[in-house]
Amino acid sequence: MAQNEAPTIDVKLFVDKDKKKVLFAESDKEFVDVLFSFLTLPLGTIVRILGKQSQMGCLDEVYKSVEDLSTDFSKPRPARRCF
């Protein structure tokens, strides 16, 4: 990789274009860990305090998606309790 190039992350998305929703996303473990780590920040607390209507719709939706995620699709970890 050249010095001027930023690192890249490969993410495959399966999108329902009619409903404008992501149905499935695939990436490496590091990306998923980083994505979930965002939800362990106080942002998750803010979403809960504001009654899941934080005026940041995308954040509310990501939080709800993780909250509703079946444990069949994630490894049990202590950080999951933070969600």
C-alpha atoms as a PDB file:
ATOM      1  CA  MET A   1       0.000   0.000   0.000  1.00  0.00           C
ATOM      2  CA  ALA A   2       1.371   3.413  -0.924  1.00  0.00           C
ATOM      3  CA  GLN A   3       1.863   5.959   1.839  1.00  0.00           C
ATOM      4  CA  ASN A   4      -0.881   8.234   0.482  1.00  0.00           C
ATOM      5  CA  GLU A   5      -3.518   5.508   0.329  1.00  0.00           C
ATOM      6  CA  ALA A   6      -5.976   5.154   3.171  1.00  0.00           C
ATOM      7  CA  PRO A   7      -6.719   1.639   4.392  1.00  0.00           C
ATOM      8  CA  THR A   8      -9.888   0.145   2.970  1.00  0.00           C
ATOM      9  CA  ILE A   9     -12.550  -2.082   4.452  1.00  0.00           C
ATOM     10  CA  ASP A  10     -14.522  -4.501   2.313  1.00  0.00           C
ATOM     11  CA  VAL A  11     -18.215  -4.689   3.175  1.00  0.00           C
ATOM     12  CA  LYS A  12     -20.759  -6.607   1.116  1.00  0.00           C
ATOM     13  CA  LEU A  13     -24.326  -5.354   1.427  1.00  0.00           C
ATOM     14  CA  PHE A  14     -27.495  -7.070   0.271  1.00  0.00           C
ATOM     15  CA  VAL A  15     -30.087  -4.349  -0.154  1.00  0.00           C
ATOM     16  CA  ASP A  16     -33.841  -4.442  -0.726  1.00  0.00           C
ATOM     17  CA  LYS A  17     -34.000  -1.497  -3.100  1.00  0.00           C
ATOM     18  CA  ASP A  18     -37.797  -1.302  -2.979  1.00  0.00           C
ATOM     19  CA  LYS A  19     -37.853  -0.926   0.807  1.00  0.00           C
ATOM     20  CA  LYS A  20     -34.486   0.884   0.932  1.00  0.00           C
ATOM     21  CA  LYS A  21     -33.218  -1.444   3.657  1.00  0.00           C
ATOM     22  CA  VAL A  22     -30.042  -3.404   4.167  1.00  0.00           C
ATOM     23  CA  LEU A  23     -30.992  -7.054   4.547  1.00  0.00           C
ATOM     24  CA  PHE A  24     -27.551  -8.474   5.203  1.00  0.00           C
ATOM     25  CA  ALA A  25     -24.019  -7.166   5.598  1.00  0.00           C
ATOM     26  CA  GLU A  26     -20.806  -9.164   5.455  1.00  0.00           C
ATOM     27  CA  SER A  27     -17.344  -8.036   6.497  1.00  0.00           C
ATOM     28  CA  ASP A  28     -14.353  -9.185   8.484  1.00  0.00           C
ATOM     29  CA  LYS A  29     -14.314  -9.604  12.259  1.00  0.00           C
ATOM     30  CA  GLU A  30     -12.341  -6.425  12.906  1.00  0.00           C
ATOM     31  CA  PHE A  31     -14.923  -4.229  11.162  1.00  0.00           C
ATOM     32  CA  VAL A  32     -17.806  -5.854  13.040  1.00  0.00           C
ATOM     33  CA  ASP A  33     -15.996  -5.411  16.359  1.00  0.00           C
ATOM     34  CA  VAL A  34     -15.419  -1.721  15.627  1.00  0.00           C
ATOM     35  CA  LEU A  35     -19.037  -1.235  14.561  1.00  0.00           C
ATOM     36  CA  PHE A  36     -20.355  -2.872  17.737  1.00  0.00           C
ATOM     37  CA  SER A  37     -17.867  -0.955  19.879  1.00  0.00           C
ATOM     38  CA  PHE A  38     -19.574   2.277  18.786  1.00  0.00           C
ATOM     39  CA  LEU A  39     -22.685   1.046  20.571  1.00  0.00           C
ATOM     40  CA  THR A  40     -20.830   0.553  23.851  1.00  0.00           C
ATOM     41  CA  LEU A  41     -20.133   4.268  23.947  1.00  0.00           C
ATOM     42  CA  PRO A  42     -22.551   6.522  25.812  1.00  0.00           C
ATOM     43  CA  LEU A  43     -24.469   6.880  22.532  1.00  0.00           C
ATOM     44  CA  GLY A  44     -26.461   3.782  23.459  1.00  0.00           C
ATOM     45  CA  THR A  45     -27.337   5.379  26.786  1.00  0.00           C
ATOM     46  CA  ILE A  46     -28.392   8.573  25.029  1.00  0.00           C
ATOM     47  CA  VAL A  47     -30.699   6.633  22.726  1.00  0.00           C
ATOM     48  CA  ARG A  48     -32.306   4.873  25.713  1.00  0.00           C
ATOM     49  CA  ILE A  49     -32.714   8.099  27.713  1.00  0.00           C
ATOM     50  CA  LEU A  50     -34.357   9.898  24.812  1.00  0.00           C
ATOM     51  CA  GLY A  51     -36.844   7.083  24.386  1.00  0.00           C
ATOM     52  CA  LYS A  52     -35.259   5.842  21.159  1.00  0.00           C
ATOM     53  CA  GLN A  53     -36.263   9.084  19.458  1.00  0.00           C
ATOM     54  CA  SER A  54     -32.916  10.893  19.543  1.00  0.00           C
ATOM     55  CA  GLN A  55     -33.505  12.850  16.329  1.00  0.00           C
ATOM     56  CA  MET A  56     -30.644  10.789  14.918  1.00  0.00           C
ATOM     57  CA  GLY A  57     -32.744   8.241  13.049  1.00  0.00           C
ATOM     58  CA  CYS A  58     -29.864   6.183  11.730  1.00  0.00           C
ATOM     59  CA  LEU A  59     -28.405   5.794  15.221  1.00  0.00           C
ATOM     60  CA  ASP A  60     -31.794   4.775  16.605  1.00  0.00           C
ATOM     61  CA  GLU A  61     -32.194   2.173  13.855  1.00  0.00           C
ATOM     62  CA  VAL A  62     -28.705   0.699  14.337  1.00  0.00           C
ATOM     63  CA  TYR A  63     -29.291   0.508  18.090  1.00  0.00           C
ATOM     64  CA  LYS A  64     -32.699  -1.160  17.614  1.00  0.00           C
ATOM     65  CA  SER A  65     -31.252  -3.644  15.112  1.00  0.00           C
ATOM     66  CA  VAL A  66     -28.528  -4.742  17.529  1.00  0.00           C
ATOM     67  CA  GLU A  67     -30.982  -4.804  20.422  1.00  0.00           C
ATOM     68  CA  ASP A  68     -33.276  -7.126  18.426  1.00  0.00           C
ATOM     69  CA  LEU A  69     -30.415  -9.270  17.104  1.00  0.00           C
ATOM     70  CA  SER A  70     -30.817 -12.894  18.071  1.00  0.00           C
ATOM     71  CA  THR A  71     -27.992 -14.381  20.112  1.00  0.00           C
ATOM     72  CA  ASP A  72     -27.825 -17.043  17.388  1.00  0.00           C
ATOM     73  CA  PHE A  73     -26.081 -14.444  15.218  1.00  0.00           C
ATOM     74  CA  SER A  74     -23.569 -13.105  17.720  1.00  0.00           C
ATOM     75  CA  LYS A  75     -21.030 -14.482  20.097  1.00  0.00           C
ATOM     76  CA  PRO A  76     -21.973 -14.029  23.749  1.00  0.00           C
ATOM     77  CA  ARG A  77     -19.696 -11.371  25.148  1.00  0.00           C
ATOM     78  CA  PRO A  78     -19.800  -9.153  28.220  1.00  0.00           C
ATOM     79  CA  ALA A  79     -20.031  -6.069  25.978  1.00  0.00           C
ATOM     80  CA  ARG A  80     -23.422  -7.216  24.660  1.00  0.00           C
ATOM     81  CA  ARG A  81     -24.952  -6.286  28.026  1.00  0.00           C
ATOM     82  CA  CYS A  82     -24.038  -2.665  27.259  1.00  0.00           C
ATOM     83  CA  PHE A  83     -26.479  -2.631  24.341  1.00  0.00           C
END
